[in-house]
């Protein structure tokens, strides 16, 4: 079953790659079929097998030989690993399916944000609405992972408010935009699923990892310290950690941020 989950995740990863290319460019997700950007060769199904086709073709077009990025296979492997991890940790449950879809959407957000510095409203606002609706409908069922609608709403408002406030303060002090509205809406989505304390954990963890990666990026690439680095992927990574290791993360946050106790 874990292997089946992994293979299913590979297929979803292939779909995510397609969405990451088409969504920010305004292309249809249904038409036309995948094709080579250089010669227009329509990719047959046997050249579109996740990971396997990339390895067999050497990440090149069968007709013209132009290369494409191995990152496609990396995304597919990551999604496969995510599906397998969800099944191993939580079994085949509504929770595991729901959060696999949500985390896959956040992986798509990270890919788009890294390349285009944007976060699609279709995902952030759509996920926010779904999170609030899930809390409203399922909170009476007693499921341990479903927070109350009140907690969901407060988490969404707090998530949006804390980043919006930080962004405005930075803009006032420096005259430059520090945090985009896409990140604000993204954290609202996460708050709708985790509540206020989950937002605090996500902000703490994403800020910590973002600072470490940002400093390393400046030192290694020797770029200016004000070179913009997208914050969305760090928020998404922190949310993944929150899903799998919520209890442990909350304990660490309570030690590092005593006033949260």
Protein backbone atom coordinates (compact mmCIF):
# COMPACT_ATOMS: atom_id res chain seq x y z
CA UNK A 1 0.00 0.00 0.00
CA UNK A 2 2.88 2.36 0.70
CA UNK A 3 4.32 1.59 -2.74
CA UNK A 4 0.92 2.26 -4.32
CA UNK A 5 0.71 5.56 -2.46
CA UNK A 6 4.18 6.44 -3.73
CA UNK A 7 3.24 5.68 -7.36
CA UNK A 8 0.04 7.70 -6.98
CA UNK A 9 2.11 10.58 -5.63
CA UNK A 10 4.42 10.40 -8.65
CA UNK A 11 1.43 10.90 -10.94
CA UNK A 12 0.22 13.86 -8.90
CA UNK A 13 3.74 15.29 -9.05
CA UNK A 14 3.60 15.15 -12.85
CA UNK A 15 0.33 17.08 -12.72
CA UNK A 16 1.90 19.63 -10.37
CA UNK A 17 4.75 20.19 -12.84
CA UNK A 18 2.23 20.89 -15.57
CA UNK A 19 0.26 23.30 -13.37
CA UNK A 20 3.44 25.11 -12.26
CA UNK A 21 4.23 25.82 -15.92
CA UNK A 22 0.75 26.70 -17.17
CA UNK A 23 -1.01 28.49 -14.30
CA UNK A 24 1.26 31.56 -13.99
CA UNK A 25 1.32 31.92 -17.78
CA UNK A 26 -2.47 31.86 -18.02
CA UNK A 27 -2.60 28.66 -20.09
CA UNK A 28 -5.40 26.12 -19.90
CA UNK A 29 -4.75 23.10 -17.70
CA UNK A 30 -6.74 20.84 -20.00
CA UNK A 31 -5.63 21.83 -23.49
CA UNK A 32 -3.39 21.48 -25.45
CA UNK A 33 -1.48 18.30 -24.65
CA UNK A 34 2.07 18.54 -23.36
CA UNK A 35 4.56 19.30 -26.12
CA UNK A 36 8.18 20.30 -26.66
CA UNK A 37 8.66 24.03 -26.35
CA UNK A 38 11.23 24.02 -29.16
CA UNK A 39 9.92 21.72 -31.94
CA UNK A 40 6.28 21.40 -30.88
CA UNK A 41 6.46 17.58 -30.68
CA UNK A 42 3.36 16.31 -28.81
CA UNK A 43 4.65 14.17 -25.94
CA UNK A 44 3.19 10.62 -26.17
CA UNK A 45 2.00 8.88 -23.03
CA UNK A 46 5.06 6.62 -22.86
CA UNK A 47 7.30 9.69 -22.76
CA UNK A 48 5.24 11.22 -19.98
CA UNK A 49 5.73 8.56 -17.31
CA UNK A 50 6.77 10.19 -14.03
CA UNK A 51 10.54 9.98 -13.34
CA UNK A 52 11.00 6.93 -15.59
CA UNK A 53 10.62 8.80 -18.89
CA UNK A 54 12.96 11.53 -17.68
CA UNK A 55 15.66 8.96 -16.91
CA UNK A 56 15.19 6.94 -20.10
CA UNK A 57 15.27 10.01 -22.34
CA UNK A 58 18.06 11.71 -20.40
CA UNK A 59 15.77 14.70 -19.78
CA UNK A 60 15.63 15.45 -23.52
CA UNK A 61 12.98 15.71 -26.21
CA UNK A 62 12.70 12.48 -28.22
CA UNK A 63 12.49 14.38 -31.55
CA UNK A 64 14.83 17.39 -31.39
CA UNK A 65 16.99 16.49 -28.40
CA UNK A 66 16.56 19.78 -26.54
CA UNK A 67 17.12 19.33 -22.82
CA UNK A 68 14.70 20.07 -20.02
CA UNK A 69 15.24 20.34 -16.30
CA UNK A 70 15.66 17.31 -14.06
CA UNK A 71 13.70 19.34 -11.49
CA UNK A 72 10.56 17.79 -12.98
CA UNK A 73 11.67 14.38 -11.72
CA UNK A 74 12.65 15.87 -8.36
CA UNK A 75 9.15 17.33 -7.92
CA UNK A 76 7.59 13.99 -8.85
CA UNK A 77 9.80 12.12 -6.38
CA UNK A 78 9.02 14.65 -3.66
CA UNK A 79 5.28 14.25 -4.21
CA UNK A 80 5.61 10.48 -4.24
CA UNK A 81 7.55 10.59 -0.98
CA UNK A 82 4.91 12.90 0.51
CA UNK A 83 2.10 10.48 -0.42
CA UNK A 84 4.01 7.53 1.04
CA UNK A 85 4.80 9.48 4.22
CA UNK A 86 1.16 10.51 4.68
CA UNK A 87 0.06 6.88 4.34
CA UNK A 88 2.74 5.59 6.70
CA UNK A 89 1.98 8.24 9.32
CA UNK A 90 -1.82 8.40 9.15
CA UNK A 91 -3.01 5.43 7.08
CA UNK A 92 -5.66 5.61 4.39
CA UNK A 93 -7.99 8.07 6.11
CA UNK A 94 -9.91 11.19 5.23
CA UNK A 95 -7.23 13.16 7.08
CA UNK A 96 -4.37 11.73 5.02
CA UNK A 97 -6.17 12.27 1.71
CA UNK A 98 -7.29 15.80 2.62
CA UNK A 99 -3.87 16.91 3.79
CA UNK A 100 -2.08 15.23 0.91
CA UNK A 101 -4.16 17.33 -1.48
CA UNK A 102 -3.49 20.43 0.60
CA UNK A 103 0.26 19.83 0.85
CA UNK A 104 0.43 19.10 -2.88
CA UNK A 105 -1.23 22.44 -3.53
CA UNK A 106 1.36 24.11 -1.29
CA UNK A 107 4.15 22.41 -3.24
CA UNK A 108 2.66 23.97 -6.37
CA UNK A 109 2.59 27.34 -4.60
CA UNK A 110 6.27 27.00 -3.73
CA UNK A 111 7.27 26.21 -7.32
CA UNK A 112 5.36 29.18 -8.71
CA UNK A 113 6.59 31.54 -6.00
CA UNK A 114 10.22 30.52 -6.56
CA UNK A 115 10.03 31.25 -10.29
CA UNK A 116 7.52 34.09 -10.60
CA UNK A 117 7.35 35.61 -7.10
CA UNK A 118 3.55 35.23 -7.08
CA UNK A 119 1.08 33.05 -5.18
CA UNK A 120 -2.11 32.26 -7.12
CA UNK A 121 -5.33 33.37 -5.43
CA UNK A 122 -6.99 30.22 -6.74
CA UNK A 123 -4.91 28.27 -4.23
CA UNK A 124 -4.55 30.68 -1.30
CA UNK A 125 -8.11 32.01 -1.19
CA UNK A 126 -9.60 28.72 -2.37
CA UNK A 127 -7.71 26.83 0.35
CA UNK A 128 -8.80 29.40 2.94
CA UNK A 129 -12.46 28.89 2.04
CA UNK A 130 -12.08 25.11 2.09
CA UNK A 131 -10.36 25.25 5.48
CA UNK A 132 -13.11 27.37 7.01
CA UNK A 133 -15.83 25.20 5.47
CA UNK A 134 -14.15 22.01 6.72
CA UNK A 135 -14.00 23.38 10.25
CA UNK A 136 -17.63 24.51 10.10
CA UNK A 137 -18.90 21.18 8.79
CA UNK A 138 -16.68 18.66 10.59
CA UNK A 139 -15.97 20.33 13.92
CA UNK A 140 -19.05 18.66 15.44
CA UNK A 141 -17.85 15.18 14.47
CA UNK A 142 -15.23 15.03 17.21
CA UNK A 143 -12.38 14.20 14.83
CA UNK A 144 -9.12 15.01 16.67
CA UNK A 145 -7.52 16.92 13.78
CA UNK A 146 -10.49 19.21 13.06
CA UNK A 147 -10.45 22.51 14.93
CA UNK A 148 -13.59 24.46 15.73
CA UNK A 149 -14.91 27.02 13.26
CA UNK A 150 -14.12 29.77 15.77
CA UNK A 151 -10.50 28.62 16.05
CA UNK A 152 -10.28 28.32 12.27
CA UNK A 153 -11.62 31.84 11.72
CA UNK A 154 -9.39 33.34 14.40
CA UNK A 155 -6.38 31.51 12.98
CA UNK A 156 -7.09 32.85 9.49
CA UNK A 157 -7.54 36.42 10.71
CA UNK A 158 -4.47 36.23 12.93
CA UNK A 159 -2.37 34.70 10.17
CA UNK A 160 -3.33 37.41 7.71
CA UNK A 161 -3.02 40.16 10.31
CA UNK A 162 0.41 39.28 11.65
CA UNK A 163 2.10 39.19 8.24
CA UNK A 164 0.22 42.23 6.98
CA UNK A 165 1.30 44.17 10.07
CA UNK A 166 4.94 43.12 9.75
CA UNK A 167 4.92 43.97 6.05
CA UNK A 168 3.44 47.42 6.64
CA UNK A 169 5.90 48.15 9.44
CA UNK A 170 8.83 47.19 7.20
CA UNK A 171 7.48 49.27 4.33
CA UNK A 172 7.05 52.27 6.63
CA UNK A 173 10.60 51.99 7.96
CA UNK A 174 12.39 51.26 4.69
CA UNK A 175 10.08 52.56 1.98
CA UNK A 176 10.17 49.15 0.27
CA UNK A 177 7.73 46.29 0.20
CA UNK A 178 8.88 43.48 2.49
CA UNK A 179 6.01 40.98 2.44
CA UNK A 180 3.59 40.59 -0.43
CA UNK A 181 -0.15 40.11 -0.09
CA UNK A 182 0.27 36.61 -1.51
CA UNK A 183 2.14 35.57 1.63
CA UNK A 184 -0.56 37.22 3.76
CA UNK A 185 -3.32 35.20 2.10
CA UNK A 186 -1.21 32.04 2.23
CA UNK A 187 -0.73 32.29 5.99
CA UNK A 188 -4.47 32.95 6.36
CA UNK A 189 -5.05 29.60 4.60
CA UNK A 190 -2.69 27.90 7.05
CA UNK A 191 -4.29 29.60 10.04
CA UNK A 192 -7.69 28.30 8.95
CA UNK A 193 -6.31 24.78 9.32
CA UNK A 194 -4.16 25.14 12.44
CA UNK A 195 -5.63 27.94 14.56
CA UNK A 196 -3.77 30.79 16.24
CA UNK A 197 -1.08 28.70 17.94
CA UNK A 198 -0.36 26.86 14.72
CA UNK A 199 0.18 30.21 13.00
CA UNK A 200 2.69 31.21 15.66
CA UNK A 201 4.57 27.92 15.21
CA UNK A 202 4.60 28.31 11.42
CA UNK A 203 5.80 31.93 11.58
CA UNK A 204 8.53 31.02 14.07
CA UNK A 205 9.78 28.03 12.08
CA UNK A 206 9.56 29.70 8.66
CA UNK A 207 11.31 32.83 9.92
CA UNK A 208 14.09 30.75 11.45
CA UNK A 209 14.69 28.61 8.36
CA UNK A 210 14.23 31.59 6.03
CA UNK A 211 16.87 33.56 7.91
CA UNK A 212 19.36 30.68 7.82
CA UNK A 213 18.82 30.01 4.11
CA UNK A 214 18.86 33.73 3.30
CA UNK A 215 22.19 34.31 5.06
CA UNK A 216 23.68 31.23 3.37
CA UNK A 217 22.40 32.42 -0.02
CA UNK A 218 23.97 35.85 0.44
CA UNK A 219 27.31 34.37 1.51
CA UNK A 220 27.49 31.69 -1.18
CA UNK A 221 26.11 33.66 -4.13
CA UNK A 222 27.64 36.96 -2.94
CA UNK A 223 24.45 38.86 -3.72
CA UNK A 224 23.21 42.03 -2.04
CA UNK A 225 21.59 41.56 1.35
CA UNK A 226 18.43 43.19 -0.01
CA UNK A 227 18.07 40.69 -2.85
CA UNK A 228 14.42 39.51 -2.62
CA UNK A 229 13.91 35.90 -1.57
CA UNK A 230 10.38 34.44 -1.76
CA UNK A 231 8.95 33.67 1.68
CA UNK A 232 6.14 31.40 0.46
CA UNK A 233 8.24 28.22 0.21
CA UNK A 234 9.42 28.64 3.81
CA UNK A 235 5.84 29.05 5.01
CA UNK A 236 4.86 25.91 3.08
CA UNK A 237 7.78 23.90 4.49
CA UNK A 238 6.87 25.02 8.01
CA UNK A 239 3.27 23.95 7.44
CA UNK A 240 4.42 20.50 6.31
CA UNK A 241 6.45 20.21 9.51
CA UNK A 242 3.41 21.36 11.49
CA UNK A 243 1.28 18.59 9.97
CA UNK A 244 3.75 15.79 10.73
CA UNK A 245 5.37 17.00 13.95
CA UNK A 246 2.83 19.35 15.51
CA UNK A 247 3.25 18.25 19.12
CA UNK A 248 7.07 18.40 19.00
CA UNK A 249 7.11 21.80 17.26
CA UNK A 250 4.73 23.28 19.82
CA UNK A 251 6.97 22.09 22.65
CA UNK A 252 10.01 23.72 21.02
CA UNK A 253 8.12 26.96 20.41
CA UNK A 254 7.01 27.10 24.02
CA UNK A 255 10.63 26.82 25.14
CA UNK A 256 11.93 29.35 22.60
CA UNK A 257 9.02 31.75 22.98
CA UNK A 258 8.07 31.54 26.68
CA UNK A 259 5.24 34.10 26.47
CA UNK A 260 3.25 31.62 24.35
CA UNK A 261 2.80 29.28 27.33
